[in-house]
């Protein structure tokens, strides 16, 4: 089996993703995270 080159293997960024039940819970979580950073 041929091995992909390094560029092909790292082409996609790995981003953490969170899924919330609804828009309100998502916005509250984002607001809390921003408040914590400030």
PDB file of N, CA and C in Angstrom:
ATOM      1  N   UNK A   1       0.838  -1.184   0.000  1.00  0.00           N
ATOM      2  CA  UNK A   1       0.000   0.000   0.000  1.00  0.00           C
ATOM      3  C   UNK A   1       0.881   1.245   0.000  1.00  0.00           C
ATOM      4  N   UNK A   2       0.602   2.174  -0.889  1.00  0.00           N
ATOM      5  CA  UNK A   2       1.405   3.395  -1.006  1.00  0.00           C
ATOM      6  C   UNK A   2       1.099   4.337   0.151  1.00  0.00           C
ATOM      7  N   UNK A   3       2.127   4.949   0.673  1.00  0.00           N
ATOM      8  CA  UNK A   3       1.964   5.908   1.766  1.00  0.00           C
ATOM      9  C   UNK A   3       1.755   7.300   1.179  1.00  0.00           C
ATOM     10  N   UNK A   4       0.794   8.056   1.734  1.00  0.00           N
ATOM     11  CA  UNK A   4       0.552   9.422   1.285  1.00  0.00           C
ATOM     12  C   UNK A   4       1.706  10.318   1.698  1.00  0.00           C
ATOM     13  N   UNK A   5       1.981  11.328   0.903  1.00  0.00           N
ATOM     14  CA  UNK A   5       3.060  12.246   1.286  1.00  0.00           C
ATOM     15  C   UNK A   5       2.617  13.116   2.464  1.00  0.00           C
ATOM     16  N   UNK A   6       3.549  13.794   3.094  1.00  0.00           N
ATOM     17  CA  UNK A   6       3.273  14.574   4.308  1.00  0.00           C
ATOM     18  C   UNK A   6       2.245  15.669   4.056  1.00  0.00           C
ATOM     19  N   UNK A   7       2.322  16.338   2.907  1.00  0.00           N
ATOM     20  CA  UNK A   7       1.373  17.400   2.590  1.00  0.00           C
ATOM     21  C   UNK A   7      -0.045  16.845   2.515  1.00  0.00           C
ATOM     22  N   UNK A   8      -0.215  15.714   1.902  1.00  0.00           N
ATOM     23  CA  UNK A   8      -1.537  15.102   1.769  1.00  0.00           C
ATOM     24  C   UNK A   8      -2.084  14.683   3.131  1.00  0.00           C
ATOM     25  N   UNK A   9      -1.238  14.203   4.019  1.00  0.00           N
ATOM     26  CA  UNK A   9      -1.675  13.737   5.333  1.00  0.00           C
ATOM     27  C   UNK A   9      -2.087  14.879   6.249  1.00  0.00           C
ATOM     28  N   UNK A  10      -1.496  16.064   6.090  1.00  0.00           N
ATOM     29  CA  UNK A  10      -1.757  17.181   6.998  1.00  0.00           C
ATOM     30  C   UNK A  10      -2.555  18.296   6.324  1.00  0.00           C
ATOM     31  N   UNK A  11      -3.217  17.989   5.248  1.00  0.00           N
ATOM     32  CA  UNK A  11      -3.939  19.003   4.487  1.00  0.00           C
ATOM     33  C   UNK A  11      -5.122  19.563   5.265  1.00  0.00           C
ATOM     34  N   UNK A  12      -5.759  18.770   6.097  1.00  0.00           N
ATOM     35  CA  UNK A  12      -6.948  19.209   6.816  1.00  0.00           C
ATOM     36  C   UNK A  12      -6.590  19.590   8.245  1.00  0.00           C
ATOM     37  N   UNK A  13      -7.154  20.694   8.706  1.00  0.00           N
ATOM     38  CA  UNK A  13      -6.929  21.110  10.086  1.00  0.00           C
ATOM     39  C   UNK A  13      -7.849  20.320  11.003  1.00  0.00           C
ATOM     40  N   UNK A  14      -7.386  20.068  12.191  1.00  0.00           N
ATOM     41  CA  UNK A  14      -8.186  19.377  13.195  1.00  0.00           C
ATOM     42  C   UNK A  14      -8.756  20.428  14.136  1.00  0.00           C
ATOM     43  N   UNK A  15     -10.058  20.650  14.080  1.00  0.00           N
ATOM     44  CA  UNK A  15     -10.703  21.661  14.907  1.00  0.00           C
ATOM     45  C   UNK A  15     -11.670  20.992  15.877  1.00  0.00           C
ATOM     46  N   UNK A  16     -11.625  21.390  17.141  1.00  0.00           N
ATOM     47  CA  UNK A  16     -12.592  20.824  18.087  1.00  0.00           C
ATOM     48  C   UNK A  16     -13.999  21.328  17.765  1.00  0.00           C
ATOM     49  N   UNK A  17     -14.963  20.443  17.830  1.00  0.00           N
ATOM     50  CA  UNK A  17     -16.348  20.791  17.505  1.00  0.00           C
ATOM     51  C   UNK A  17     -17.244  20.369  18.663  1.00  0.00           C
ATOM     52  N   UNK A  18     -18.149  21.247  19.053  1.00  0.00           N
ATOM     53  CA  UNK A  18     -19.137  20.935  20.080  1.00  0.00           C
ATOM     54  C   UNK A  18     -20.518  21.053  19.464  1.00  0.00           C
ATOM     55  N   UNK A  19     -21.370  20.091  19.755  1.00  0.00           N
ATOM     56  CA  UNK A  19     -22.735  20.104  19.237  1.00  0.00           C
ATOM     57  C   UNK A  19     -23.679  20.288  20.415  1.00  0.00           C
ATOM     58  N   UNK A  20     -24.606  21.238  20.287  1.00  0.00           N
ATOM     59  CA  UNK A  20     -25.543  21.550  21.358  1.00  0.00           C
ATOM     60  C   UNK A  20     -26.959  21.225  20.924  1.00  0.00           C
ATOM     61  N   UNK A  21     -27.814  21.018  21.889  1.00  0.00           N
ATOM     62  CA  UNK A  21     -29.201  20.620  21.604  1.00  0.00           C
ATOM     63  C   UNK A  21     -29.978  21.720  20.891  1.00  0.00           C
ATOM     64  N   UNK A  22     -29.690  22.979  21.258  1.00  0.00           N
ATOM     65  CA  UNK A  22     -30.417  24.077  20.634  1.00  0.00           C
ATOM     66  C   UNK A  22     -29.553  25.339  20.634  1.00  0.00           C
ATOM     67  N   UNK A  23     -30.058  26.376  19.990  1.00  0.00           N
ATOM     68  CA  UNK A  23     -29.318  27.617  19.831  1.00  0.00           C
ATOM     69  C   UNK A  23     -29.072  28.309  21.166  1.00  0.00           C
ATOM     70  N   UNK A  24     -30.032  28.255  22.067  1.00  0.00           N
ATOM     71  CA  UNK A  24     -29.891  28.933  23.356  1.00  0.00           C
ATOM     72  C   UNK A  24     -28.765  28.328  24.182  1.00  0.00           C
ATOM     73  N   UNK A  25     -28.714  27.004  24.279  1.00  0.00           N
ATOM     74  CA  UNK A  25     -27.648  26.377  25.061  1.00  0.00           C
ATOM     75  C   UNK A  25     -26.286  26.619  24.419  1.00  0.00           C
ATOM     76  N   UNK A  26     -26.235  26.658  23.104  1.00  0.00           N
ATOM     77  CA  UNK A  26     -24.975  26.940  22.417  1.00  0.00           C
ATOM     78  C   UNK A  26     -24.512  28.365  22.703  1.00  0.00           C
ATOM     79  N   UNK A  27     -25.422  29.327  22.611  1.00  0.00           N
ATOM     80  CA  UNK A  27     -25.037  30.718  22.842  1.00  0.00           C
ATOM     81  C   UNK A  27     -24.617  30.956  24.293  1.00  0.00           C
ATOM     82  N   UNK A  28     -25.273  30.284  25.233  1.00  0.00           N
ATOM     83  CA  UNK A  28     -24.873  30.411  26.642  1.00  0.00           C
ATOM     84  C   UNK A  28     -23.481  29.825  26.869  1.00  0.00           C
ATOM     85  N   UNK A  29     -23.185  28.711  26.241  1.00  0.00           N
ATOM     86  CA  UNK A  29     -21.865  28.095  26.376  1.00  0.00           C
ATOM     87  C   UNK A  29     -20.780  28.983  25.777  1.00  0.00           C
ATOM     88  N   UNK A  30     -21.058  29.566  24.625  1.00  0.00           N
ATOM     89  CA  UNK A  30     -20.087  30.460  23.999  1.00  0.00           C
ATOM     90  C   UNK A  30     -19.882  31.711  24.841  1.00  0.00           C
ATOM     91  N   UNK A  31     -20.960  32.282  25.355  1.00  0.00           N
ATOM     92  CA  UNK A  31     -20.856  33.471  26.210  1.00  0.00           C
ATOM     93  C   UNK A  31     -20.051  33.182  27.469  1.00  0.00           C
ATOM     94  N   UNK A  32     -20.269  32.030  28.071  1.00  0.00           N
ATOM     95  CA  UNK A  32     -19.539  31.659  29.269  1.00  0.00           C
ATOM     96  C   UNK A  32     -18.048  31.496  28.968  1.00  0.00           C
ATOM     97  N   UNK A  33     -17.748  30.928  27.817  1.00  0.00           N
ATOM     98  CA  UNK A  33     -16.337  30.736  27.455  1.00  0.00           C
ATOM     99  C   UNK A  33     -15.658  32.078  27.201  1.00  0.00           C
ATOM    100  N   UNK A  34     -16.346  32.990  26.538  1.00  0.00           N
ATOM    101  CA  UNK A  34     -15.790  34.327  26.295  1.00  0.00           C
ATOM    102  C   UNK A  34     -15.592  35.060  27.617  1.00  0.00           C
ATOM    103  N   UNK A  35     -16.575  34.978  28.523  1.00  0.00           N
ATOM    104  CA  UNK A  35     -16.468  35.637  29.830  1.00  0.00           C
ATOM    105  C   UNK A  35     -15.283  35.099  30.628  1.00  0.00           C
ATOM    106  N   UNK A  36     -15.045  33.815  30.517  1.00  0.00           N
ATOM    107  CA  UNK A  36     -13.925  33.199  31.227  1.00  0.00           C
ATOM    108  C   UNK A  36     -12.586  33.725  30.689  1.00  0.00           C
ATOM    109  N   UNK A  37     -12.518  33.931  29.373  1.00  0.00           N
ATOM    110  CA  UNK A  37     -11.275  34.453  28.776  1.00  0.00           C
ATOM    111  C   UNK A  37     -11.013  35.896  29.155  1.00  0.00           C
ATOM    112  N   UNK A  38     -12.091  36.653  29.328  1.00  0.00           N
ATOM    113  CA  UNK A  38     -11.945  38.070  29.680  1.00  0.00           C
ATOM    114  C   UNK A  38     -11.584  38.175  31.149  1.00  0.00           C
TER     115      UNK A  38
END
